Amino acid sequence: MNIKLLLPLLAALVIPSMLLAADEKPATATTVVKRIGVDEYDKLRSNTNVVLLDVRSVAEFEKGRIPGAINMDVNSPRFPEMIGTLDKNKAYLVNCAVGMRSAKACKKLEGAGFKELYDLAPGFDGWKKAGKPVQK
């Protein structure tokens, strides 16, 4: 293959990916986001320095929640304002229904400077299936 033709092709492929990578906000060295299972989540929630954060809608939250959880809907336009009231030095155990919105919330929390985040991988549905306590 002709090198004169190969260089522009490589540049067209490499430069956009470099620009995309430059736009991504790197996590701080102290940020920890860990996806965990039901048993580890249950064990961690007994710690007094953790906050249980349920990021489902208010309607979902009112139907049932992990005992002690507070509700902040990740899809609310006020979510950034709501998380601004939280203590960034605490650990947060984050859950939604099945793990998608909690992952989204963890990214937002990480971007806002929260240092220790635990995402309940199977979500509240997995919590219930495991027979863990539910508050209504």
C-alpha atoms as a PDB file:
ATOM      1  CA  MET A   1       0.000   0.000   0.000  1.00  0.00           C
ATOM      2  CA  ASN A   2       1.198   3.512  -0.752  1.00  0.00           C
ATOM      3  CA  ILE A   3       2.384   5.306   2.420  1.00  0.00           C
ATOM      4  CA  LYS A   4       1.008   8.625   1.110  1.00  0.00           C
ATOM      5  CA  LEU A   5      -2.472   7.134   1.140  1.00  0.00           C
ATOM      6  CA  LEU A   6      -2.054   5.407   4.501  1.00  0.00           C
ATOM      7  CA  LEU A   7      -1.060   8.495   6.542  1.00  0.00           C
ATOM      8  CA  PRO A   8      -4.241  10.518   5.920  1.00  0.00           C
ATOM      9  CA  LEU A   9      -6.329   7.432   6.691  1.00  0.00           C
ATOM     10  CA  LEU A  10      -4.524   6.887   9.988  1.00  0.00           C
ATOM     11  CA  ALA A  11      -4.890  10.570  10.878  1.00  0.00           C
ATOM     12  CA  ALA A  12      -8.620  10.425  10.130  1.00  0.00           C
ATOM     13  CA  LEU A  13      -8.995   7.490  12.515  1.00  0.00           C
ATOM     14  CA  VAL A  14      -6.634   8.493  15.316  1.00  0.00           C
ATOM     15  CA  ILE A  15      -7.201  12.240  15.723  1.00  0.00           C
ATOM     16  CA  PRO A  16     -10.985  12.070  16.423  1.00  0.00           C
ATOM     17  CA  SER A  17     -10.457   9.397  19.080  1.00  0.00           C
ATOM     18  CA  MET A  18      -7.765  11.556  20.703  1.00  0.00           C
ATOM     19  CA  LEU A  19     -10.140  14.518  20.767  1.00  0.00           C
ATOM     20  CA  LEU A  20     -12.897  12.428  22.336  1.00  0.00           C
ATOM     21  CA  ALA A  21     -10.534  11.178  25.010  1.00  0.00           C
ATOM     22  CA  ALA A  22      -9.431  14.750  25.759  1.00  0.00           C
ATOM     23  CA  ASP A  23     -13.081  15.768  26.367  1.00  0.00           C
ATOM     24  CA  GLU A  24     -13.652  13.052  28.964  1.00  0.00           C
ATOM     25  CA  LYS A  25     -13.288  14.241  32.524  1.00  0.00           C
ATOM     26  CA  PRO A  26     -10.800  11.990  34.293  1.00  0.00           C
ATOM     27  CA  ALA A  27     -11.773  10.582  37.675  1.00  0.00           C
ATOM     28  CA  THR A  28      -9.881  11.999  40.586  1.00  0.00           C
ATOM     29  CA  ALA A  29      -7.271   9.740  42.081  1.00  0.00           C
ATOM     30  CA  THR A  30      -9.383   9.392  45.221  1.00  0.00           C
ATOM     31  CA  THR A  31     -12.706   8.529  43.559  1.00  0.00           C
ATOM     32  CA  VAL A  32     -13.869   4.946  43.978  1.00  0.00           C
ATOM     33  CA  VAL A  33     -16.945   3.593  42.176  1.00  0.00           C
ATOM     34  CA  LYS A  34     -17.518  -0.075  42.826  1.00  0.00           C
ATOM     35  CA  ARG A  35     -20.387  -2.227  41.545  1.00  0.00           C
ATOM     36  CA  ILE A  36     -21.329  -4.652  44.286  1.00  0.00           C
ATOM     37  CA  GLY A  37     -23.783  -7.424  44.958  1.00  0.00           C
ATOM     38  CA  VAL A  38     -26.611  -7.656  47.462  1.00  0.00           C
ATOM     39  CA  ASP A  39     -24.649  -9.257  50.305  1.00  0.00           C
ATOM     40  CA  GLU A  40     -21.827  -6.709  50.216  1.00  0.00           C
ATOM     41  CA  TYR A  41     -24.350  -3.845  49.975  1.00  0.00           C
ATOM     42  CA  ASP A  42     -26.219  -5.230  52.986  1.00  0.00           C
ATOM     43  CA  LYS A  43     -22.979  -5.519  54.960  1.00  0.00           C
ATOM     44  CA  LEU A  44     -21.864  -1.959  54.089  1.00  0.00           C
ATOM     45  CA  ARG A  45     -25.201  -0.369  54.982  1.00  0.00           C
ATOM     46  CA  SER A  46     -24.610  -1.092  58.685  1.00  0.00           C
ATOM     47  CA  ASN A  47     -21.705   1.402  58.662  1.00  0.00           C
ATOM     48  CA  THR A  48     -22.694   4.732  60.232  1.00  0.00           C
ATOM     49  CA  ASN A  49     -20.668   6.765  57.721  1.00  0.00           C
ATOM     50  CA  VAL A  50     -22.655   5.600  54.675  1.00  0.00           C
ATOM     51  CA  VAL A  51     -25.706   7.077  53.020  1.00  0.00           C
ATOM     52  CA  LEU A  52     -28.181   4.868  51.170  1.00  0.00           C
ATOM     53  CA  LEU A  53     -29.224   6.738  48.050  1.00  0.00           C
ATOM     54  CA  ASP A  54     -32.153   5.440  46.013  1.00  0.00           C
ATOM     55  CA  VAL A  55     -32.183   7.160  42.604  1.00  0.00           C
ATOM     56  CA  ARG A  56     -35.526   5.807  41.357  1.00  0.00           C
ATOM     57  CA  SER A  57     -38.631   7.949  40.879  1.00  0.00           C
ATOM     58  CA  VAL A  58     -40.633   9.070  43.904  1.00  0.00           C
ATOM     59  CA  ALA A  59     -43.487   6.721  42.897  1.00  0.00           C
ATOM     60  CA  GLU A  60     -41.141   3.709  42.775  1.00  0.00           C
ATOM     61  CA  PHE A  61     -39.517   4.709  46.071  1.00  0.00           C
ATOM     62  CA  GLU A  62     -42.886   4.994  47.836  1.00  0.00           C
ATOM     63  CA  LYS A  63     -43.878   1.467  46.753  1.00  0.00           C
ATOM     64  CA  GLY A  64     -40.876   0.008  48.577  1.00  0.00           C
ATOM     65  CA  ARG A  65     -37.244   0.764  49.389  1.00  0.00           C
ATOM     66  CA  ILE A  66     -34.202  -0.475  51.222  1.00  0.00           C
ATOM     67  CA  PRO A  67     -34.648   0.543  54.873  1.00  0.00           C
ATOM     68  CA  GLY A  68     -32.912   3.839  55.640  1.00  0.00           C
ATOM     69  CA  ALA A  69     -32.598   4.955  52.005  1.00  0.00           C
ATOM     70  CA  ILE A  70     -33.175   8.542  50.917  1.00  0.00           C
ATOM     71  CA  ASN A  71     -34.642   9.304  47.509  1.00  0.00           C
ATOM     72  CA  MET A  72     -33.132  11.542  44.830  1.00  0.00           C
ATOM     73  CA  ASP A  73     -34.461  10.800  41.343  1.00  0.00           C
ATOM     74  CA  VAL A  74     -31.500  10.748  38.938  1.00  0.00           C
ATOM     75  CA  ASN A  75     -33.807  11.719  36.068  1.00  0.00           C
ATOM     76  CA  SER A  76     -35.061  14.829  37.828  1.00  0.00           C
ATOM     77  CA  PRO A  77     -33.759  18.108  36.402  1.00  0.00           C
ATOM     78  CA  ARG A  78     -33.037  19.025  40.039  1.00  0.00           C
ATOM     79  CA  PHE A  79     -30.703  16.048  40.609  1.00  0.00           C
ATOM     80  CA  PRO A  80     -27.492  18.143  40.410  1.00  0.00           C
ATOM     81  CA  GLU A  81     -28.963  20.620  42.891  1.00  0.00           C
ATOM     82  CA  MET A  82     -30.099  17.824  45.232  1.00  0.00           C
ATOM     83  CA  ILE A  83     -26.720  16.078  45.309  1.00  0.00           C
ATOM     84  CA  GLY A  84     -25.124  19.444  46.029  1.00  0.00           C
ATOM     85  CA  THR A  85     -26.627  19.186  49.532  1.00  0.00           C
ATOM     86  CA  LEU A  86     -24.845  15.889  50.274  1.00  0.00           C
ATOM     87  CA  ASP A  87     -21.596  15.431  52.228  1.00  0.00           C
ATOM     88  CA  LYS A  88     -18.903  14.427  49.730  1.00  0.00           C
ATOM     89  CA  ASN A  89     -16.814  12.837  52.484  1.00  0.00           C
ATOM     90  CA  LYS A  90     -19.329  10.086  53.192  1.00  0.00           C
ATOM     91  CA  ALA A  91     -19.637   6.803  51.323  1.00  0.00           C
ATOM     92  CA  TYR A  92     -22.771   6.394  49.183  1.00  0.00           C
ATOM     93  CA  LEU A  93     -24.579   3.130  48.533  1.00  0.00           C
ATOM     94  CA  VAL A  94     -26.549   3.841  45.366  1.00  0.00           C
ATOM     95  CA  ASN A  95     -29.447   1.812  44.014  1.00  0.00           C
ATOM     96  CA  CYS A  96     -32.207   1.974  41.421  1.00  0.00           C
ATOM     97  CA  ALA A  97     -34.520  -0.781  40.153  1.00  0.00           C
ATOM     98  CA  VAL A  98     -32.093  -2.941  38.134  1.00  0.00           C
ATOM     99  CA  GLY A  99     -28.744  -1.119  38.071  1.00  0.00           C
ATOM    100  CA  MET A 100     -28.931   1.183  35.036  1.00  0.00           C
ATOM    101  CA  ARG A 101     -29.946   4.470  36.665  1.00  0.00           C
ATOM    102  CA  SER A 102     -27.666   3.860  39.642  1.00  0.00           C
ATOM    103  CA  ALA A 103     -24.701   3.571  37.258  1.00  0.00           C
ATOM    104  CA  LYS A 104     -25.787   6.864  35.656  1.00  0.00           C
ATOM    105  CA  ALA A 105     -26.116   8.468  39.096  1.00  0.00           C
ATOM    106  CA  CYS A 106     -22.675   7.229  40.147  1.00  0.00           C
ATOM    107  CA  LYS A 107     -21.141   8.887  37.084  1.00  0.00           C
ATOM    108  CA  LYS A 108     -22.838  12.167  38.016  1.00  0.00           C
ATOM    109  CA  LEU A 109     -21.785  11.854  41.653  1.00  0.00           C
ATOM    110  CA  GLU A 110     -18.228  11.051  40.615  1.00  0.00           C
ATOM    111  CA  GLY A 111     -18.181  14.095  38.342  1.00  0.00           C
ATOM    112  CA  ALA A 112     -19.401  16.224  41.254  1.00  0.00           C
ATOM    113  CA  GLY A 113     -16.451  15.131  43.402  1.00  0.00           C
ATOM    114  CA  PHE A 114     -17.871  12.338  45.547  1.00  0.00           C
ATOM    115  CA  LYS A 115     -15.070  10.043  46.652  1.00  0.00           C
ATOM    116  CA  GLU A 116     -16.595   6.690  47.628  1.00  0.00           C
ATOM    117  CA  LEU A 117     -19.500   5.222  45.675  1.00  0.00           C
ATOM    118  CA  TYR A 118     -21.003   1.732  45.718  1.00  0.00           C
ATOM    119  CA  ASP A 119     -23.493   0.782  43.014  1.00  0.00           C
ATOM    120  CA  LEU A 120     -25.917  -2.054  43.797  1.00  0.00           C
ATOM    121  CA  ALA A 121     -25.479  -4.056  40.575  1.00  0.00           C
ATOM    122  CA  PRO A 122     -28.764  -6.030  40.626  1.00  0.00           C
ATOM    123  CA  GLY A 123     -30.701  -3.029  41.919  1.00  0.00           C
ATOM    124  CA  PHE A 124     -33.695  -2.997  44.228  1.00  0.00           C
ATOM    125  CA  ASP A 125     -35.268  -5.864  42.271  1.00  0.00           C
ATOM    126  CA  GLY A 126     -32.227  -8.035  43.060  1.00  0.00           C
ATOM    127  CA  TRP A 127     -32.416  -6.899  46.691  1.00  0.00           C
ATOM    128  CA  LYS A 128     -36.047  -8.091  46.949  1.00  0.00           C
ATOM    129  CA  LYS A 129     -35.303 -11.391  45.148  1.00  0.00           C
ATOM    130  CA  ALA A 130     -32.566 -12.093  47.689  1.00  0.00           C
ATOM    131  CA  GLY A 131     -35.151 -11.802  50.474  1.00  0.00           C
ATOM    132  CA  LYS A 132     -33.599  -8.699  52.028  1.00  0.00           C
ATOM    133  CA  PRO A 133     -35.745  -6.316  54.101  1.00  0.00           C
ATOM    134  CA  VAL A 134     -38.001  -3.833  52.319  1.00  0.00           C
ATOM    135  CA  GLN A 135     -39.522  -0.712  53.879  1.00  0.00           C
ATOM    136  CA  LYS A 136     -42.845   0.713  52.667  1.00  0.00           C
END
